[in-house]
Amino acid sequence: MKIDVIKLDSSKAGSIELSDEVFGIEEIRPDILQRCVVWQLAKRRAGTHKVQTRNENSRTGKKMYKQKGTGGARHGSRRAPQFVGGSRAFGPVVRSHAFDLPKKVRKLALRHALSSKAKSGDLVVLDTAVIDAPKTAALKASLEKLGLTNALFIAGPEVDTNFGLAARNLTHVDVLPNAGLNVYDVLRRQKLVLTRAAVEAIQARFAEVEAA
């Protein structure tokens, strides 16, 4: 599959061949994408929610009243959850929400995410994501001219300093290096913008996996 390469000034910079094995999957699997997104969001959860357990409650542990002869239920502590001021039963504790997802599934999900953008016409290949000065207004005007108001930029091995500074104040625009490419960020933005270097790196990465 061949796609045109453009520049930030809207001019054309030739074309590039995209691998069908990475960008040309016809039958997109929503279930694979959903599994990967849930895995990513679970990993980023802090898991710091917590309530006091019975052994941490500062209320007295003295027996409330004698065991027998009162006509009431038997109780041993005011820390029990059924009493006002008592501890919560089975409340949240500090823990990790992360779970394992096979590498093959994660790689397959990334290929499906990239292919979904190419299939819907939301994939744009940029020659380079480099600007002369970190001017947000100038970059915003260029992106609006290209129709890239809601986009994820994969800028190459490293993000250009000026481009990163200019883009960080733009809402709905994210800029990541090649190493930051992930399924969740690809799907959450309307457009996916890859530089020529990013495309070559992605295709080389999956070619190495297939060769192995």
N, C-alpha and C. Protein backbone atom coordinates (compact mmCIF):
# COMPACT_ATOMS: atom_id res chain seq x y z
N MET A 1 0.85 -1.19 0.00
CA MET A 1 0.00 0.00 0.00
C MET A 1 0.89 1.24 0.00
N LYS A 2 0.62 2.15 -0.93
CA LYS A 2 1.41 3.37 -1.06
C LYS A 2 0.60 4.55 -0.57
N ILE A 3 1.26 5.46 0.14
CA ILE A 3 0.59 6.64 0.69
C ILE A 3 1.48 7.86 0.47
N ASP A 4 0.84 9.00 0.23
CA ASP A 4 1.58 10.24 -0.01
C ASP A 4 2.21 10.75 1.29
N VAL A 5 3.37 11.36 1.15
CA VAL A 5 4.05 12.00 2.28
C VAL A 5 3.91 13.50 2.11
N ILE A 6 3.52 14.18 3.20
CA ILE A 6 3.34 15.62 3.13
C ILE A 6 4.28 16.33 4.09
N LYS A 7 4.39 17.63 3.94
CA LYS A 7 5.17 18.47 4.85
C LYS A 7 4.22 19.35 5.66
N LEU A 8 4.76 20.00 6.68
CA LEU A 8 3.94 20.86 7.54
C LEU A 8 3.37 22.05 6.78
N ASP A 9 3.99 22.44 5.67
CA ASP A 9 3.48 23.55 4.87
C ASP A 9 2.47 23.09 3.82
N SER A 10 2.01 21.85 3.92
CA SER A 10 0.99 21.26 3.04
C SER A 10 1.52 20.82 1.69
N SER A 11 2.79 21.01 1.42
CA SER A 11 3.34 20.55 0.15
C SER A 11 3.64 19.06 0.21
N LYS A 12 3.75 18.43 -0.94
CA LYS A 12 4.01 17.00 -1.01
C LYS A 12 5.50 16.72 -0.98
N ALA A 13 5.85 15.58 -0.40
CA ALA A 13 7.26 15.18 -0.31
C ALA A 13 7.43 13.74 -0.79
N GLY A 14 6.72 13.40 -1.86
CA GLY A 14 6.85 12.05 -2.42
C GLY A 14 5.82 11.10 -1.82
N SER A 15 6.18 9.82 -1.80
CA SER A 15 5.29 8.80 -1.26
C SER A 15 6.12 7.73 -0.57
N ILE A 16 5.44 6.85 0.16
CA ILE A 16 6.12 5.79 0.89
C ILE A 16 5.27 4.53 0.83
N GLU A 17 5.95 3.40 0.77
CA GLU A 17 5.27 2.11 0.71
C GLU A 17 5.04 1.59 2.12
N LEU A 18 3.79 1.26 2.44
CA LEU A 18 3.44 0.73 3.75
C LEU A 18 3.26 -0.78 3.67
N SER A 19 3.76 -1.47 4.66
CA SER A 19 3.65 -2.92 4.70
C SER A 19 2.20 -3.35 4.96
N ASP A 20 1.69 -4.25 4.13
CA ASP A 20 0.32 -4.74 4.33
C ASP A 20 0.19 -5.57 5.60
N GLU A 21 1.28 -6.16 6.05
CA GLU A 21 1.22 -6.97 7.26
C GLU A 21 1.09 -6.12 8.52
N VAL A 22 1.47 -4.84 8.42
CA VAL A 22 1.38 -3.93 9.56
C VAL A 22 0.21 -2.96 9.40
N PHE A 23 0.04 -2.41 8.21
CA PHE A 23 -0.96 -1.37 7.98
C PHE A 23 -2.12 -1.83 7.10
N GLY A 24 -2.11 -3.06 6.64
CA GLY A 24 -3.12 -3.48 5.67
C GLY A 24 -4.02 -4.61 6.12
N ILE A 25 -4.19 -4.80 7.42
CA ILE A 25 -5.09 -5.86 7.90
C ILE A 25 -6.53 -5.45 7.60
N GLU A 26 -7.25 -6.31 6.91
CA GLU A 26 -8.61 -5.99 6.47
C GLU A 26 -9.64 -6.17 7.57
N GLU A 27 -9.56 -7.30 8.28
CA GLU A 27 -10.56 -7.61 9.31
C GLU A 27 -10.02 -7.17 10.67
N ILE A 28 -10.47 -6.01 11.14
CA ILE A 28 -10.01 -5.46 12.41
C ILE A 28 -10.72 -6.19 13.56
N ARG A 29 -9.95 -6.62 14.55
CA ARG A 29 -10.50 -7.36 15.69
C ARG A 29 -10.72 -6.42 16.87
N PRO A 30 -11.95 -5.96 17.09
CA PRO A 30 -12.22 -5.07 18.25
C PRO A 30 -11.91 -5.74 19.58
N ASP A 31 -12.08 -7.05 19.66
CA ASP A 31 -11.82 -7.74 20.92
C ASP A 31 -10.35 -7.69 21.31
N ILE A 32 -9.47 -7.79 20.31
CA ILE A 32 -8.03 -7.70 20.57
C ILE A 32 -7.67 -6.29 21.04
N LEU A 33 -8.23 -5.29 20.38
CA LEU A 33 -7.97 -3.90 20.76
C LEU A 33 -8.48 -3.63 22.17
N GLN A 34 -9.68 -4.15 22.49
CA GLN A 34 -10.24 -3.93 23.82
C GLN A 34 -9.38 -4.55 24.90
N ARG A 35 -8.88 -5.76 24.66
CA ARG A 35 -8.03 -6.42 25.66
C ARG A 35 -6.78 -5.61 25.94
N CYS A 36 -6.18 -5.05 24.89
CA CYS A 36 -4.94 -4.30 25.06
C CYS A 36 -5.20 -2.97 25.77
N VAL A 37 -6.29 -2.30 25.43
CA VAL A 37 -6.61 -1.02 26.08
C VAL A 37 -6.88 -1.23 27.57
N VAL A 38 -7.65 -2.27 27.90
CA VAL A 38 -7.94 -2.56 29.31
C VAL A 38 -6.65 -2.87 30.05
N TRP A 39 -5.74 -3.61 29.42
CA TRP A 39 -4.45 -3.94 30.01
C TRP A 39 -3.63 -2.68 30.28
N GLN A 40 -3.61 -1.75 29.31
CA GLN A 40 -2.86 -0.51 29.49
C GLN A 40 -3.43 0.35 30.62
N LEU A 41 -4.74 0.50 30.63
CA LEU A 41 -5.36 1.35 31.64
C LEU A 41 -5.24 0.74 33.04
N ALA A 42 -5.25 -0.59 33.12
CA ALA A 42 -5.08 -1.24 34.42
C ALA A 42 -3.67 -1.03 34.95
N LYS A 43 -2.69 -1.05 34.06
CA LYS A 43 -1.28 -0.85 34.47
C LYS A 43 -1.04 0.55 35.03
N ARG A 44 -1.74 1.54 34.49
CA ARG A 44 -1.47 2.92 34.92
C ARG A 44 -2.23 3.31 36.18
N ARG A 45 -3.14 2.46 36.65
CA ARG A 45 -3.87 2.79 37.88
C ARG A 45 -2.93 2.79 39.08
N ALA A 46 -3.10 3.78 39.94
CA ALA A 46 -2.20 3.92 41.09
C ALA A 46 -2.45 2.84 42.13
N GLY A 47 -3.70 2.47 42.34
CA GLY A 47 -4.02 1.44 43.33
C GLY A 47 -3.75 1.88 44.76
N THR A 48 -3.83 3.18 45.02
CA THR A 48 -3.53 3.69 46.37
C THR A 48 -4.79 3.90 47.21
N HIS A 49 -5.94 3.47 46.71
CA HIS A 49 -7.17 3.61 47.49
C HIS A 49 -7.12 2.66 48.69
N LYS A 50 -7.58 3.15 49.84
CA LYS A 50 -7.46 2.35 51.05
C LYS A 50 -8.41 2.85 52.12
N VAL A 51 -8.94 1.93 52.94
CA VAL A 51 -9.71 2.29 54.13
C VAL A 51 -9.06 1.61 55.33
N GLN A 52 -9.42 2.08 56.53
CA GLN A 52 -8.87 1.47 57.74
C GLN A 52 -9.50 0.09 57.98
N THR A 53 -8.65 -0.86 58.29
CA THR A 53 -9.15 -2.17 58.67
C THR A 53 -9.36 -2.20 60.19
N ARG A 54 -9.90 -3.28 60.70
CA ARG A 54 -10.25 -3.32 62.11
C ARG A 54 -9.02 -3.18 63.01
N ASN A 55 -7.89 -3.70 62.56
CA ASN A 55 -6.70 -3.60 63.41
C ASN A 55 -6.07 -2.21 63.37
N GLU A 56 -6.53 -1.34 62.44
CA GLU A 56 -6.00 0.02 62.36
C GLU A 56 -6.95 1.05 62.98
N ASN A 57 -8.15 0.65 63.30
CA ASN A 57 -9.14 1.57 63.88
C ASN A 57 -8.76 1.90 65.33
N SER A 58 -8.86 3.18 65.68
CA SER A 58 -8.41 3.60 67.01
C SER A 58 -9.48 3.43 68.10
N ARG A 59 -10.66 2.94 67.70
CA ARG A 59 -11.69 2.73 68.71
C ARG A 59 -11.28 1.62 69.67
N THR A 60 -11.89 1.61 70.84
CA THR A 60 -11.55 0.61 71.85
C THR A 60 -11.88 -0.80 71.39
N GLY A 61 -11.08 -1.73 71.85
CA GLY A 61 -11.34 -3.13 71.54
C GLY A 61 -12.00 -3.86 72.71
N LYS A 62 -12.36 -3.11 73.72
CA LYS A 62 -12.99 -3.70 74.90
C LYS A 62 -14.36 -4.28 74.54
N LYS A 63 -14.69 -5.40 75.17
CA LYS A 63 -15.98 -6.01 74.93
C LYS A 63 -17.09 -5.05 75.37
N MET A 64 -18.11 -4.90 74.52
CA MET A 64 -19.14 -3.88 74.73
C MET A 64 -19.99 -4.16 75.98
N TYR A 65 -20.40 -5.38 76.14
CA TYR A 65 -21.17 -5.80 77.30
C TYR A 65 -21.01 -7.31 77.45
N LYS A 66 -21.51 -7.84 78.54
CA LYS A 66 -21.27 -9.24 78.84
C LYS A 66 -21.90 -10.13 77.77
N GLN A 67 -21.36 -11.32 77.67
CA GLN A 67 -21.73 -12.23 76.60
C GLN A 67 -23.20 -12.66 76.71
N LYS A 68 -23.64 -12.98 77.90
CA LYS A 68 -24.98 -13.54 78.06
C LYS A 68 -25.84 -12.70 79.01
N GLY A 69 -27.13 -12.91 78.91
CA GLY A 69 -28.05 -12.33 79.86
C GLY A 69 -28.60 -10.97 79.50
N THR A 70 -28.19 -10.37 78.38
CA THR A 70 -28.67 -9.03 78.03
C THR A 70 -29.90 -9.06 77.12
N GLY A 71 -30.12 -10.19 76.49
CA GLY A 71 -31.22 -10.28 75.53
C GLY A 71 -30.85 -9.76 74.16
N GLY A 72 -29.63 -9.28 74.02
CA GLY A 72 -29.17 -8.76 72.72
C GLY A 72 -28.19 -9.70 72.05
N ALA A 73 -27.81 -9.33 70.84
CA ALA A 73 -26.85 -10.15 70.10
C ALA A 73 -25.48 -10.08 70.78
N ARG A 74 -24.67 -11.09 70.52
CA ARG A 74 -23.33 -11.14 71.12
C ARG A 74 -22.36 -10.28 70.31
N HIS A 75 -21.69 -9.37 70.96
CA HIS A 75 -20.70 -8.52 70.28
C HIS A 75 -19.45 -8.45 71.12
N GLY A 76 -18.32 -8.27 70.44
CA GLY A 76 -17.07 -8.23 71.16
C GLY A 76 -16.30 -6.94 71.00
N SER A 77 -16.65 -6.11 69.97
CA SER A 77 -15.85 -4.91 69.73
C SER A 77 -16.67 -3.87 68.99
N ARG A 78 -16.44 -2.60 69.32
CA ARG A 78 -17.11 -1.52 68.59
C ARG A 78 -16.42 -1.21 67.26
N ARG A 79 -15.33 -1.89 66.96
CA ARG A 79 -14.64 -1.70 65.68
C ARG A 79 -15.34 -2.47 64.55
N ALA A 80 -16.30 -3.30 64.90
CA ALA A 80 -16.99 -4.11 63.89
C ALA A 80 -17.72 -3.20 62.89
N PRO A 81 -17.84 -3.61 61.64
CA PRO A 81 -18.40 -2.73 60.60
C PRO A 81 -19.87 -2.37 60.77
N GLN A 82 -20.63 -3.13 61.57
CA GLN A 82 -22.05 -2.80 61.70
C GLN A 82 -22.30 -1.63 62.64
N PHE A 83 -21.26 -1.13 63.32
CA PHE A 83 -21.44 -0.02 64.24
C PHE A 83 -20.92 1.29 63.63
N VAL A 84 -21.56 2.41 63.99
CA VAL A 84 -21.09 3.72 63.55
C VAL A 84 -19.68 3.94 64.10
N GLY A 85 -18.75 4.32 63.23
CA GLY A 85 -17.37 4.49 63.64
C GLY A 85 -16.55 3.24 63.52
N GLY A 86 -17.20 2.15 63.14
CA GLY A 86 -16.47 0.90 62.95
C GLY A 86 -15.76 0.87 61.60
N SER A 87 -14.96 -0.13 61.39
CA SER A 87 -14.21 -0.26 60.13
C SER A 87 -15.08 -0.86 59.04
N ARG A 88 -14.75 -0.54 57.82
CA ARG A 88 -15.51 -1.07 56.68
C ARG A 88 -15.12 -2.52 56.41
N ALA A 89 -16.12 -3.32 56.11
CA ALA A 89 -15.86 -4.73 55.81
C ALA A 89 -15.44 -4.89 54.36
N PHE A 90 -14.34 -5.58 54.14
CA PHE A 90 -13.84 -5.88 52.80
C PHE A 90 -13.63 -4.62 51.96
N GLY A 91 -13.08 -3.58 52.58
CA GLY A 91 -12.82 -2.33 51.87
C GLY A 91 -11.58 -2.43 50.98
N PRO A 92 -11.35 -1.42 50.16
CA PRO A 92 -10.20 -1.44 49.26
C PRO A 92 -8.88 -1.32 50.03
N VAL A 93 -7.86 -1.97 49.52
CA VAL A 93 -6.53 -1.90 50.10
C VAL A 93 -5.53 -1.55 49.00
N VAL A 94 -4.36 -1.10 49.38
CA VAL A 94 -3.33 -0.75 48.40
C VAL A 94 -2.92 -2.01 47.63
N ARG A 95 -3.03 -1.94 46.30
CA ARG A 95 -2.68 -3.11 45.49
C ARG A 95 -2.41 -2.68 44.06
N SER A 96 -1.86 -3.57 43.30
CA SER A 96 -1.62 -3.32 41.88
C SER A 96 -2.77 -3.89 41.07
N HIS A 97 -3.26 -3.12 40.11
CA HIS A 97 -4.35 -3.58 39.24
C HIS A 97 -3.81 -4.24 37.97
N ALA A 98 -2.50 -4.28 37.81
CA ALA A 98 -1.91 -4.80 36.58
C ALA A 98 -2.13 -6.30 36.46
N PHE A 99 -2.23 -6.75 35.21
CA PHE A 99 -2.32 -8.17 34.93
C PHE A 99 -1.51 -8.46 33.67
N ASP A 100 -1.24 -9.70 33.42
CA ASP A 100 -0.39 -10.08 32.29
C ASP A 100 -1.21 -10.18 31.00
N LEU A 101 -0.59 -9.75 29.91
CA LEU A 101 -1.15 -9.93 28.58
C LEU A 101 -0.03 -10.42 27.68
N PRO A 102 -0.20 -11.53 26.97
CA PRO A 102 0.89 -12.08 26.15
C PRO A 102 1.44 -11.06 25.16
N LYS A 103 2.75 -11.12 24.95
CA LYS A 103 3.40 -10.19 24.02
C LYS A 103 2.82 -10.30 22.62
N LYS A 104 2.49 -11.52 22.22
CA LYS A 104 1.93 -11.71 20.87
C LYS A 104 0.60 -10.98 20.72
N VAL A 105 -0.20 -10.98 21.77
CA VAL A 105 -1.49 -10.29 21.72
C VAL A 105 -1.26 -8.78 21.66
N ARG A 106 -0.28 -8.27 22.43
CA ARG A 106 0.00 -6.84 22.42
C ARG A 106 0.50 -6.38 21.05
N LYS A 107 1.36 -7.17 20.44
CA LYS A 107 1.88 -6.81 19.12
C LYS A 107 0.78 -6.89 18.06
N LEU A 108 -0.07 -7.90 18.18
CA LEU A 108 -1.18 -8.02 17.24
C LEU A 108 -2.14 -6.85 17.38
N ALA A 109 -2.40 -6.42 18.62
CA ALA A 109 -3.28 -5.28 18.86
C ALA A 109 -2.72 -4.01 18.24
N LEU A 110 -1.41 -3.82 18.33
CA LEU A 110 -0.80 -2.62 17.74
C LEU A 110 -0.93 -2.63 16.23
N ARG A 111 -0.74 -3.79 15.62
CA ARG A 111 -0.92 -3.90 14.16
C ARG A 111 -2.36 -3.62 13.76
N HIS A 112 -3.30 -4.11 14.55
CA HIS A 112 -4.71 -3.86 14.23
C HIS A 112 -5.06 -2.39 14.42
N ALA A 113 -4.48 -1.74 15.43
CA ALA A 113 -4.73 -0.32 15.65
C ALA A 113 -4.19 0.51 14.49
N LEU A 114 -2.97 0.19 14.04
CA LEU A 114 -2.38 0.91 12.91
C LEU A 114 -3.19 0.68 11.64
N SER A 115 -3.61 -0.57 11.43
CA SER A 115 -4.39 -0.89 10.24
C SER A 115 -5.75 -0.22 10.25
N SER A 116 -6.34 -0.08 11.45
CA SER A 116 -7.66 0.57 11.53
C SER A 116 -7.58 2.03 11.11
N LYS A 117 -6.47 2.70 11.47
CA LYS A 117 -6.30 4.09 11.07
C LYS A 117 -6.08 4.20 9.55
N ALA A 118 -5.28 3.27 9.02
CA ALA A 118 -5.04 3.29 7.57
C ALA A 118 -6.33 2.98 6.80
N LYS A 119 -7.11 2.05 7.32
CA LYS A 119 -8.35 1.63 6.64
C LYS A 119 -9.38 2.74 6.63
N SER A 120 -9.44 3.52 7.72
CA SER A 120 -10.43 4.60 7.82
C SER A 120 -9.97 5.90 7.18
N GLY A 121 -8.74 5.91 6.67
CA GLY A 121 -8.22 7.13 6.04
C GLY A 121 -7.72 8.15 7.04
N ASP A 122 -7.49 7.74 8.28
CA ASP A 122 -7.03 8.66 9.32
C ASP A 122 -5.53 8.55 9.58
N LEU A 123 -4.81 7.95 8.67
CA LEU A 123 -3.35 7.84 8.79
C LEU A 123 -2.70 8.88 7.89
N VAL A 124 -1.81 9.68 8.48
CA VAL A 124 -1.09 10.71 7.73
C VAL A 124 0.40 10.48 7.92
N VAL A 125 1.16 10.56 6.83
CA VAL A 125 2.61 10.42 6.90
C VAL A 125 3.24 11.77 6.63
N LEU A 126 4.02 12.22 7.61
CA LEU A 126 4.67 13.52 7.56
C LEU A 126 6.15 13.32 7.24
N ASP A 127 6.70 14.22 6.45
CA ASP A 127 8.11 14.08 6.10
C ASP A 127 8.98 14.16 7.36
N THR A 128 8.88 15.25 8.10
CA THR A 128 9.57 15.42 9.38
C THR A 128 8.72 16.28 10.30
N ALA A 129 8.82 16.02 11.60
CA ALA A 129 8.11 16.85 12.59
C ALA A 129 9.13 17.76 13.25
N VAL A 130 9.62 18.71 12.47
CA VAL A 130 10.65 19.65 12.92
C VAL A 130 10.24 21.06 12.55
N ILE A 131 10.36 22.00 13.50
CA ILE A 131 10.09 23.41 13.23
C ILE A 131 11.25 24.25 13.73
N ASP A 132 11.32 25.48 13.23
CA ASP A 132 12.46 26.34 13.55
C ASP A 132 12.38 26.98 14.92
N ALA A 133 11.15 27.28 15.37
CA ALA A 133 10.99 27.98 16.65
C ALA A 133 9.78 27.39 17.38
N PRO A 134 9.83 27.37 18.72
CA PRO A 134 8.73 26.78 19.49
C PRO A 134 7.53 27.73 19.61
N LYS A 135 6.88 28.00 18.49
CA LYS A 135 5.74 28.91 18.45
C LYS A 135 4.44 28.12 18.31
N THR A 136 3.65 28.11 19.38
CA THR A 136 2.43 27.33 19.39
C THR A 136 1.42 27.85 18.35
N ALA A 137 1.28 29.14 18.23
CA ALA A 137 0.31 29.72 17.30
C ALA A 137 0.63 29.33 15.85
N ALA A 138 1.91 29.39 15.50
CA ALA A 138 2.31 29.04 14.13
C ALA A 138 2.06 27.56 13.85
N LEU A 139 2.39 26.72 14.81
CA LEU A 139 2.16 25.28 14.63
C LEU A 139 0.67 24.98 14.54
N LYS A 140 -0.12 25.64 15.39
CA LYS A 140 -1.57 25.42 15.36
C LYS A 140 -2.16 25.79 14.01
N ALA A 141 -1.69 26.87 13.44
CA ALA A 141 -2.19 27.29 12.12
C ALA A 141 -1.84 26.26 11.05
N SER A 142 -0.61 25.73 11.13
CA SER A 142 -0.18 24.72 10.15
C SER A 142 -1.00 23.46 10.27
N LEU A 143 -1.25 23.02 11.51
CA LEU A 143 -2.01 21.79 11.73
C LEU A 143 -3.47 21.95 11.33
N GLU A 144 -4.05 23.12 11.59
CA GLU A 144 -5.44 23.36 11.19
C GLU A 144 -5.58 23.35 9.67
N LYS A 145 -4.56 23.84 9.00
CA LYS A 145 -4.57 23.84 7.53
C LYS A 145 -4.54 22.42 6.99
N LEU A 146 -3.87 21.52 7.74
CA LEU A 146 -3.79 20.11 7.34
C LEU A 146 -4.96 19.29 7.89
N GLY A 147 -5.81 19.91 8.71
CA GLY A 147 -6.93 19.18 9.31
C GLY A 147 -6.52 18.27 10.45
N LEU A 148 -5.45 18.63 11.16
CA LEU A 148 -4.92 17.80 12.24
C LEU A 148 -5.16 18.47 13.59
N THR A 149 -6.42 18.66 13.93
CA THR A 149 -6.77 19.31 15.19
C THR A 149 -6.90 18.30 16.33
N ASN A 150 -7.03 17.04 16.01
CA ASN A 150 -7.14 15.98 17.01
C ASN A 150 -6.26 14.83 16.52
N ALA A 151 -5.01 14.80 16.98
CA ALA A 151 -4.06 13.88 16.37
C ALA A 151 -2.98 13.42 17.35
N LEU A 152 -2.45 12.24 17.06
CA LEU A 152 -1.27 11.72 17.75
C LEU A 152 -0.11 11.74 16.77
N PHE A 153 0.99 12.39 17.15
CA PHE A 153 2.18 12.46 16.32
C PHE A 153 3.22 11.48 16.86
N ILE A 154 3.70 10.59 16.02
CA ILE A 154 4.85 9.76 16.35
C ILE A 154 6.01 10.36 15.56
N ALA A 155 6.90 11.06 16.29
CA ALA A 155 7.83 11.99 15.65
C ALA A 155 9.14 11.37 15.20
N GLY A 156 9.43 10.13 15.54
CA GLY A 156 10.70 9.52 15.17
C GLY A 156 11.45 9.03 16.40
N PRO A 157 12.75 8.74 16.27
CA PRO A 157 13.52 8.26 17.42
C PRO A 157 13.47 9.20 18.61
N GLU A 158 13.47 10.51 18.34
CA GLU A 158 13.37 11.52 19.39
C GLU A 158 12.45 12.64 18.92
N VAL A 159 11.76 13.25 19.87
CA VAL A 159 10.88 14.37 19.54
C VAL A 159 11.71 15.64 19.42
N ASP A 160 11.53 16.37 18.31
CA ASP A 160 12.21 17.64 18.14
C ASP A 160 11.81 18.59 19.27
N THR A 161 12.80 19.22 19.89
CA THR A 161 12.54 20.07 21.06
C THR A 161 11.55 21.19 20.75
N ASN A 162 11.75 21.89 19.66
CA ASN A 162 10.85 22.99 19.31
C ASN A 162 9.44 22.50 19.02
N PHE A 163 9.35 21.38 18.32
CA PHE A 163 8.03 20.82 17.98
C PHE A 163 7.30 20.38 19.25
N GLY A 164 8.03 19.75 20.15
CA GLY A 164 7.42 19.30 21.40
C GLY A 164 6.93 20.45 22.26
N LEU A 165 7.74 21.52 22.34
CA LEU A 165 7.35 22.69 23.13
C LEU A 165 6.14 23.39 22.52
N ALA A 166 6.11 23.48 21.21
CA ALA A 166 5.00 24.17 20.54
C ALA A 166 3.70 23.37 20.63
N ALA A 167 3.81 22.05 20.65
CA ALA A 167 2.61 21.20 20.62
C ALA A 167 2.03 20.92 22.00
N ARG A 168 2.81 21.13 23.05
CA ARG A 168 2.33 20.70 24.36
C ARG A 168 1.18 21.55 24.90
N ASN A 169 0.98 22.75 24.35
CA ASN A 169 -0.14 23.58 24.77
C ASN A 169 -1.37 23.40 23.89
N LEU A 170 -1.28 22.53 22.90
CA LEU A 170 -2.42 22.29 22.01
C LEU A 170 -3.27 21.16 22.58
N THR A 171 -4.56 21.44 22.79
CA THR A 171 -5.46 20.40 23.27
C THR A 171 -5.70 19.37 22.16
N HIS A 172 -5.86 18.14 22.56
CA HIS A 172 -6.15 17.03 21.64
C HIS A 172 -5.00 16.75 20.67
N VAL A 173 -3.81 17.19 21.01
CA VAL A 173 -2.62 16.88 20.20
C VAL A 173 -1.57 16.28 21.12
N ASP A 174 -1.13 15.07 20.81
CA ASP A 174 -0.09 14.39 21.58
C ASP A 174 1.10 14.13 20.67
N VAL A 175 2.30 14.23 21.24
CA VAL A 175 3.53 13.98 20.49
C VAL A 175 4.37 12.98 21.27
N LEU A 176 4.73 11.87 20.62
CA LEU A 176 5.50 10.81 21.26
C LEU A 176 6.64 10.38 20.35
N PRO A 177 7.73 9.86 20.94
CA PRO A 177 8.77 9.25 20.12
C PRO A 177 8.34 7.85 19.68
N ASN A 178 9.16 7.19 18.87
CA ASN A 178 8.82 5.84 18.40
C ASN A 178 8.55 4.89 19.55
N ALA A 179 9.35 5.00 20.60
CA ALA A 179 9.23 4.08 21.73
C ALA A 179 7.91 4.25 22.47
N GLY A 180 7.23 5.39 22.30
CA GLY A 180 5.98 5.64 23.01
C GLY A 180 4.74 5.18 22.27
N LEU A 181 4.89 4.63 21.08
CA LEU A 181 3.74 4.17 20.30
C LEU A 181 2.97 3.11 21.06
N ASN A 182 1.67 3.33 21.25
CA ASN A 182 0.85 2.37 21.99
C ASN A 182 -0.58 2.39 21.47
N VAL A 183 -1.30 1.32 21.75
CA VAL A 183 -2.64 1.13 21.21
C VAL A 183 -3.61 2.18 21.73
N TYR A 184 -3.58 2.44 23.04
CA TYR A 184 -4.55 3.36 23.64
C TYR A 184 -4.46 4.75 23.03
N ASP A 185 -3.24 5.30 22.92
CA ASP A 185 -3.09 6.64 22.38
C ASP A 185 -3.42 6.70 20.89
N VAL A 186 -3.16 5.62 20.17
CA VAL A 186 -3.52 5.58 18.74
C VAL A 186 -5.03 5.68 18.58
N LEU A 187 -5.77 4.94 19.40
CA LEU A 187 -7.22 4.89 19.26
C LEU A 187 -7.93 6.12 19.83
N ARG A 188 -7.34 6.77 20.81
CA ARG A 188 -8.04 7.89 21.46
C ARG A 188 -7.98 9.17 20.64
N ARG A 189 -7.10 9.24 19.66
CA ARG A 189 -7.03 10.42 18.79
C ARG A 189 -7.61 10.12 17.42
N GLN A 190 -8.19 11.14 16.81
CA GLN A 190 -8.86 10.95 15.53
C GLN A 190 -7.86 10.62 14.42
N LYS A 191 -6.75 11.33 14.39
CA LYS A 191 -5.76 11.12 13.33
C LYS A 191 -4.47 10.56 13.93
N LEU A 192 -3.80 9.72 13.16
CA LEU A 192 -2.48 9.22 13.52
C LEU A 192 -1.49 9.77 12.51
N VAL A 193 -0.51 10.53 12.99
CA VAL A 193 0.48 11.16 12.12
C VAL A 193 1.84 10.52 12.40
N LEU A 194 2.39 9.86 11.40
CA LEU A 194 3.69 9.22 11.51
C LEU A 194 4.69 9.95 10.63
N THR A 195 5.86 10.20 11.15
CA THR A 195 6.92 10.74 10.28
C THR A 195 7.47 9.61 9.42
N ARG A 196 8.20 9.98 8.39
CA ARG A 196 8.79 8.96 7.51
C ARG A 196 9.72 8.04 8.31
N ALA A 197 10.48 8.63 9.23
CA ALA A 197 11.39 7.83 10.06
C ALA A 197 10.61 6.88 10.97
N ALA A 198 9.46 7.33 11.48
CA ALA A 198 8.64 6.48 12.34
C ALA A 198 8.08 5.28 11.59
N VAL A 199 7.62 5.52 10.36
CA VAL A 199 7.10 4.42 9.54
C VAL A 199 8.18 3.37 9.30
N GLU A 200 9.38 3.83 8.95
CA GLU A 200 10.48 2.90 8.69
C GLU A 200 10.82 2.11 9.95
N ALA A 201 10.82 2.78 11.11
CA ALA A 201 11.15 2.10 12.36
C ALA A 201 10.09 1.07 12.73
N ILE A 202 8.81 1.42 12.53
CA ILE A 202 7.72 0.49 12.85
C ILE A 202 7.79 -0.75 11.97
N GLN A 203 8.02 -0.54 10.68
CA GLN A 203 8.06 -1.68 9.76
C GLN A 203 9.29 -2.55 10.02
N ALA A 204 10.40 -1.93 10.38
CA ALA A 204 11.60 -2.69 10.72
C ALA A 204 11.39 -3.49 11.99
N ARG A 205 10.68 -2.91 12.94
CA ARG A 205 10.41 -3.59 14.22
C ARG A 205 9.59 -4.85 14.01
N PHE A 206 8.54 -4.76 13.21
CA PHE A 206 7.71 -5.94 12.98
C PHE A 206 8.38 -6.94 12.05
N ALA A 207 9.24 -6.47 11.16
CA ALA A 207 9.99 -7.39 10.28
C ALA A 207 10.93 -8.24 11.11
N GLU A 208 11.56 -7.64 12.14
CA GLU A 208 12.47 -8.38 13.02
C GLU A 208 11.71 -9.44 13.81
N VAL A 209 10.49 -9.11 14.24
CA VAL A 209 9.68 -10.06 15.01
C VAL A 209 9.32 -11.26 14.13
N GLU A 210 8.94 -11.00 12.88
CA GLU A 210 8.54 -12.08 11.98
C GLU A 210 9.75 -12.96 11.64
N ALA A 211 10.92 -12.31 11.49
CA ALA A 211 12.13 -13.07 11.17
C ALA A 211 12.54 -13.98 12.33
N ALA A 212 12.32 -13.49 13.55
CA ALA A 212 12.65 -14.28 14.74
C ALA A 212 11.70 -15.45 14.90
